[in-house]
PDB file of N, CA and C in Angstrom:
ATOM      1  N   MET A   1     -20.838  80.393 275.616  1.00  0.00           N
ATOM      2  CA  MET A   1     -21.892  80.792 276.532  1.00  0.00           C
ATOM      3  C   MET A   1     -22.646  79.547 276.993  1.00  0.00           C
ATOM      4  N   GLU A   2     -22.834  79.422 278.276  1.00  0.00           N
ATOM      5  CA  GLU A   2     -23.557  78.278 278.827  1.00  0.00           C
ATOM      6  C   GLU A   2     -25.032  78.608 278.997  1.00  0.00           C
ATOM      7  N   GLU A   3     -25.830  77.577 278.854  1.00  0.00           N
ATOM      8  CA  GLU A   3     -27.278  77.725 278.967  1.00  0.00           C
ATOM      9  C   GLU A   3     -27.823  76.469 279.646  1.00  0.00           C
ATOM     10  N   THR A   4     -28.698  76.644 280.611  1.00  0.00           N
ATOM     11  CA  THR A   4     -29.314  75.510 281.282  1.00  0.00           C
ATOM     12  C   THR A   4     -30.345  74.887 280.349  1.00  0.00           C
ATOM     13  N   LEU A   5     -30.169  73.594 280.065  1.00  0.00           N
ATOM     14  CA  LEU A   5     -31.098  72.886 279.186  1.00  0.00           C
ATOM     15  C   LEU A   5     -32.244  72.264 279.969  1.00  0.00           C
ATOM     16  N   CYS A   6     -31.940  71.767 281.168  1.00  0.00           N
ATOM     17  CA  CYS A   6     -32.988  71.167 281.987  1.00  0.00           C
ATOM     18  C   CYS A   6     -32.520  71.105 283.430  1.00  0.00           C
ATOM     19  N   SER A   7     -33.469  70.900 284.317  1.00  0.00           N
ATOM     20  CA  SER A   7     -33.151  70.641 285.718  1.00  0.00           C
ATOM     21  C   SER A   7     -33.787  69.309 286.102  1.00  0.00           C
ATOM     22  N   ILE A   8     -33.073  68.550 286.929  1.00  0.00           N
ATOM     23  CA  ILE A   8     -33.544  67.232 287.353  1.00  0.00           C
ATOM     24  C   ILE A   8     -33.425  67.145 288.866  1.00  0.00           C
ATOM     25  N   GLU A   9     -34.478  66.670 289.483  1.00  0.00           N
ATOM     26  CA  GLU A   9     -34.491  66.477 290.926  1.00  0.00           C
ATOM     27  C   GLU A   9     -34.824  65.011 291.190  1.00  0.00           C
ATOM     28  N   PHE A  10     -33.982  64.332 291.964  1.00  0.00           N
ATOM     29  CA  PHE A  10     -34.221  62.937 292.336  1.00  0.00           C
ATOM     30  C   PHE A  10     -34.621  62.879 293.804  1.00  0.00           C
ATOM     31  N   LEU A  11     -35.699  62.141 294.072  1.00  0.00           N
ATOM     32  CA  LEU A  11     -36.209  61.985 295.429  1.00  0.00           C
ATOM     33  C   LEU A  11     -36.409  60.503 295.725  1.00  0.00           C
ATOM     34  N   SER A  12     -36.383  60.156 297.002  1.00  0.00           N
ATOM     35  CA  SER A  12     -36.678  58.767 297.380  1.00  0.00           C
ATOM     36  C   SER A  12     -37.512  58.751 298.653  1.00  0.00           C
ATOM     37  N   ASP A  13     -38.324  57.721 298.770  1.00  0.00           N
ATOM     38  CA  ASP A  13     -39.079  57.474 299.989  1.00  0.00           C
ATOM     39  C   ASP A  13     -39.212  55.960 300.153  1.00  0.00           C
ATOM     40  N   LYS A  14     -40.036  55.522 301.066  1.00  0.00           N
ATOM     41  CA  LYS A  14     -40.185  54.086 301.328  1.00  0.00           C
ATOM     42  C   LYS A  14     -40.818  53.341 300.150  1.00  0.00           C
ATOM     43  N   LYS A  15     -41.534  54.052 299.290  1.00  0.00           N
ATOM     44  CA  LYS A  15     -42.222  53.427 298.155  1.00  0.00           C
ATOM     45  C   LYS A  15     -41.328  53.277 296.933  1.00  0.00           C
ATOM     46  N   GLY A  16     -40.277  54.078 296.808  1.00  0.00           N
ATOM     47  CA  GLY A  16     -39.419  54.019 295.638  1.00  0.00           C
ATOM     48  C   GLY A  16     -38.751  55.343 295.355  1.00  0.00           C
ATOM     49  N   PHE A  17     -38.596  55.638 294.084  1.00  0.00           N
ATOM     50  CA  PHE A  17     -37.849  56.815 293.650  1.00  0.00           C
ATOM     51  C   PHE A  17     -38.683  57.660 292.694  1.00  0.00           C
ATOM     52  N   VAL A  18     -38.411  58.967 292.712  1.00  0.00           N
ATOM     53  CA  VAL A  18     -39.126  59.917 291.863  1.00  0.00           C
ATOM     54  C   VAL A  18     -38.091  60.844 291.224  1.00  0.00           C
ATOM     55  N   ALA A  19     -38.275  61.143 289.943  1.00  0.00           N
ATOM     56  CA  ALA A  19     -37.460  62.140 289.254  1.00  0.00           C
ATOM     57  C   ALA A  19     -38.390  63.210 288.714  1.00  0.00           C
ATOM     58  N   ARG A  20     -38.039  64.455 288.945  1.00  0.00           N
ATOM     59  CA  ARG A  20     -38.784  65.577 288.386  1.00  0.00           C
ATOM     60  C   ARG A  20     -37.889  66.285 287.391  1.00  0.00           C
ATOM     61  N   LEU A  21     -38.330  66.324 286.149  1.00  0.00           N
ATOM     62  CA  LEU A  21     -37.588  66.972 285.071  1.00  0.00           C
ATOM     63  C   LEU A  21     -38.314  68.231 284.658  1.00  0.00           C
ATOM     64  N   ASN A  22     -37.543  69.255 284.374  1.00  0.00           N
ATOM     65  CA  ASN A  22     -38.126  70.500 283.884  1.00  0.00           C
ATOM     66  C   ASN A  22     -37.233  71.042 282.772  1.00  0.00           C
ATOM     67  N   SER A  23     -37.830  71.287 281.611  1.00  0.00           N
ATOM     68  CA  SER A  23     -37.102  71.875 280.489  1.00  0.00           C
ATOM     69  C   SER A  23     -38.053  72.760 279.700  1.00  0.00           C
ATOM     70  N   ASP A  24     -37.470  73.647 278.900  1.00  0.00           N
ATOM     71  CA  ASP A  24     -38.292  74.524 278.064  1.00  0.00           C
ATOM     72  C   ASP A  24     -39.074  73.719 277.034  1.00  0.00           C
ATOM     73  N   ILE A  25     -38.478  72.649 276.535  1.00  0.00           N
ATOM     74  CA  ILE A  25     -39.124  71.847 275.492  1.00  0.00           C
ATOM     75  C   ILE A  25     -40.235  70.981 276.063  1.00  0.00           C
ATOM     76  N   GLY A  26     -39.921  70.190 277.084  1.00  0.00           N
ATOM     77  CA  GLY A  26     -40.872  69.222 277.614  1.00  0.00           C
ATOM     78  C   GLY A  26     -41.695  69.698 278.792  1.00  0.00           C
ATOM     79  N   GLY A  27     -41.339  70.835 279.360  1.00  0.00           N
ATOM     80  CA  GLY A  27     -42.050  71.330 280.532  1.00  0.00           C
ATOM     81  C   GLY A  27     -41.717  70.515 281.764  1.00  0.00           C
ATOM     82  N   LEU A  28     -42.569  70.585 282.751  1.00  0.00           N
ATOM     83  CA  LEU A  28     -42.379  69.862 284.006  1.00  0.00           C
ATOM     84  C   LEU A  28     -43.045  68.500 283.920  1.00  0.00           C
ATOM     85  N   ARG A  29     -42.303  67.454 284.251  1.00  0.00           N
ATOM     86  CA  ARG A  29     -42.886  66.113 284.279  1.00  0.00           C
ATOM     87  C   ARG A  29     -42.211  65.296 285.375  1.00  0.00           C
ATOM     88  N   GLU A  30     -42.884  64.218 285.760  1.00  0.00           N
ATOM     89  CA  GLU A  30     -42.437  63.409 286.885  1.00  0.00           C
ATOM     90  C   GLU A  30     -42.461  61.934 286.505  1.00  0.00           C
ATOM     91  N   TYR A  31     -41.429  61.217 286.930  1.00  0.00           N
ATOM     92  CA  TYR A  31     -41.315  59.780 286.673  1.00  0.00           C
ATOM     93  C   TYR A  31     -41.130  59.070 287.998  1.00  0.00           C
ATOM     94  N   LYS A  32     -41.726  57.876 288.105  1.00  0.00           N
ATOM     95  CA  LYS A  32     -41.632  57.080 289.333  1.00  0.00           C
ATOM     96  C   LYS A  32     -41.178  55.677 288.996  1.00  0.00           C
ATOM     97  N   ALA A  33     -40.400  55.063 289.901  1.00  0.00           N
ATOM     98  CA  ALA A  33     -39.944  53.686 289.716  1.00  0.00           C
ATOM     99  C   ALA A  33     -39.612  53.093 291.084  1.00  0.00           C
ATOM    100  N   SER A  34     -39.622  51.776 291.143  1.00  0.00           N
ATOM    101  CA  SER A  34     -39.322  51.109 292.405  1.00  0.00           C
ATOM    102  C   SER A  34     -37.821  51.015 292.675  1.00  0.00           C
ATOM    103  N   THR A  35     -36.993  51.086 291.600  1.00  0.00           N
ATOM    104  CA  THR A  35     -35.534  51.074 291.782  1.00  0.00           C
ATOM    105  C   THR A  35     -34.929  52.312 291.130  1.00  0.00           C
ATOM    106  N   PHE A  36     -33.780  52.712 291.646  1.00  0.00           N
ATOM    107  CA  PHE A  36     -33.116  53.884 291.097  1.00  0.00           C
ATOM    108  C   PHE A  36     -32.621  53.616 289.675  1.00  0.00           C
ATOM    109  N   ASP A  37     -32.132  52.407 289.411  1.00  0.00           N
ATOM    110  CA  ASP A  37     -31.677  52.057 288.059  1.00  0.00           C
ATOM    111  C   ASP A  37     -32.792  52.197 287.031  1.00  0.00           C
ATOM    112  N   GLU A  38     -33.972  51.724 287.394  1.00  0.00           N
ATOM    113  CA  GLU A  38     -35.120  51.831 286.489  1.00  0.00           C
ATOM    114  C   GLU A  38     -35.481  53.294 286.239  1.00  0.00           C
ATOM    115  N   LEU A  39     -35.463  54.085 287.289  1.00  0.00           N
ATOM    116  CA  LEU A  39     -35.775  55.508 287.171  1.00  0.00           C
ATOM    117  C   LEU A  39     -34.739  56.223 286.307  1.00  0.00           C
ATOM    118  N   LEU A  40     -33.484  55.926 286.529  1.00  0.00           N
ATOM    119  CA  LEU A  40     -32.421  56.551 285.753  1.00  0.00           C
ATOM    120  C   LEU A  40     -32.536  56.198 284.275  1.00  0.00           C
ATOM    121  N   SER A  41     -32.919  54.971 283.975  1.00  0.00           N
ATOM    122  CA  SER A  41     -33.128  54.563 282.580  1.00  0.00           C
ATOM    123  C   SER A  41     -34.262  55.354 281.937  1.00  0.00           C
ATOM    124  N   GLN A  42     -35.357  55.536 282.668  1.00  0.00           N
ATOM    125  CA  GLN A  42     -36.486  56.313 282.154  1.00  0.00           C
ATOM    126  C   GLN A  42     -36.071  57.752 281.847  1.00  0.00           C
ATOM    127  N   VAL A  43     -35.344  58.356 282.772  1.00  0.00           N
ATOM    128  CA  VAL A  43     -34.896  59.737 282.615  1.00  0.00           C
ATOM    129  C   VAL A  43     -33.939  59.850 281.427  1.00  0.00           C
ATOM    130  N   MET A  44     -33.014  58.914 281.317  1.00  0.00           N
ATOM    131  CA  MET A  44     -32.037  58.930 280.232  1.00  0.00           C
ATOM    132  C   MET A  44     -32.727  58.841 278.866  1.00  0.00           C
ATOM    133  N   ILE A  45     -33.674  57.925 278.730  1.00  0.00           N
ATOM    134  CA  ILE A  45     -34.401  57.759 277.470  1.00  0.00           C
ATOM    135  C   ILE A  45     -35.186  59.022 277.128  1.00  0.00           C
ATOM    136  N   GLU A  46     -35.854  59.589 278.114  1.00  0.00           N
ATOM    137  CA  GLU A  46     -36.643  60.805 277.895  1.00  0.00           C
ATOM    138  C   GLU A  46     -35.754  61.955 277.424  1.00  0.00           C
ATOM    139  N   LEU A  47     -34.633  62.169 278.093  1.00  0.00           N
ATOM    140  CA  LEU A  47     -33.750  63.269 277.735  1.00  0.00           C
ATOM    141  C   LEU A  47     -33.076  63.035 276.383  1.00  0.00           C
ATOM    142  N   GLN A  48     -32.718  61.807 276.121  1.00  0.00           N
ATOM    143  CA  GLN A  48     -32.097  61.484 274.838  1.00  0.00           C
ATOM    144  C   GLN A  48     -33.062  61.793 273.696  1.00  0.00           C
ATOM    145  N   ASP A  49     -34.305  61.373 273.828  1.00  0.00           N
ATOM    146  CA  ASP A  49     -35.321  61.652 272.804  1.00  0.00           C
ATOM    147  C   ASP A  49     -35.541  63.161 272.638  1.00  0.00           C
ATOM    148  N   GLU A  50     -35.600  63.853 273.761  1.00  0.00           N
ATOM    149  CA  GLU A  50     -35.881  65.284 273.726  1.00  0.00           C
ATOM    150  C   GLU A  50     -34.748  66.074 273.072  1.00  0.00           C
ATOM    151  N   PHE A  51     -33.513  65.777 273.430  1.00  0.00           N
ATOM    152  CA  PHE A  51     -32.395  66.586 272.956  1.00  0.00           C
ATOM    153  C   PHE A  51     -31.809  66.112 271.634  1.00  0.00           C
ATOM    154  N   GLU A  52     -32.140  64.914 271.186  1.00  0.00           N
ATOM    155  CA  GLU A  52     -31.729  64.514 269.850  1.00  0.00           C
ATOM    156  C   GLU A  52     -32.405  65.388 268.810  1.00  0.00           C
ATOM    157  N   GLY A  53     -33.611  65.809 269.095  1.00  0.00           N
ATOM    158  CA  GLY A  53     -34.330  66.691 268.194  1.00  0.00           C
ATOM    159  C   GLY A  53     -33.670  68.060 268.083  1.00  0.00           C
ATOM    160  N   LEU A  54     -33.025  68.524 269.136  1.00  0.00           N
ATOM    161  CA  LEU A  54     -32.333  69.812 269.109  1.00  0.00           C
ATOM    162  C   LEU A  54     -31.111  69.771 268.220  1.00  0.00           C
ATOM    163  N   SER A  55     -30.387  68.661 268.237  1.00  0.00           N
ATOM    164  CA  SER A  55     -29.163  68.574 267.459  1.00  0.00           C
ATOM    165  C   SER A  55     -29.449  68.515 265.957  1.00  0.00           C
ATOM    166  N   GLU A  56     -30.664  68.161 265.581  1.00  0.00           N
ATOM    167  CA  GLU A  56     -31.036  68.090 264.175  1.00  0.00           C
ATOM    168  C   GLU A  56     -31.447  69.459 263.621  1.00  0.00           C
ATOM    169  N   MET A  57     -31.622  70.432 264.474  1.00  0.00           N
ATOM    170  CA  MET A  57     -32.073  71.768 264.048  1.00  0.00           C
ATOM    171  C   MET A  57     -30.913  72.565 263.493  1.00  0.00           C
TER     172      MET A  57
END
């Protein structure tokens, strides 16, 4: 059975990049960065921290 763990939306404008994450555990949050690589790193670290706790349960 599949279950949605989170949703991620990536946006860009002239100022940089924005990621909006939404999950049952962390709720809705937003990250901003001037480069996409930096933003992706932030998102990856956040999700890794959040879901590592699930695997320990």
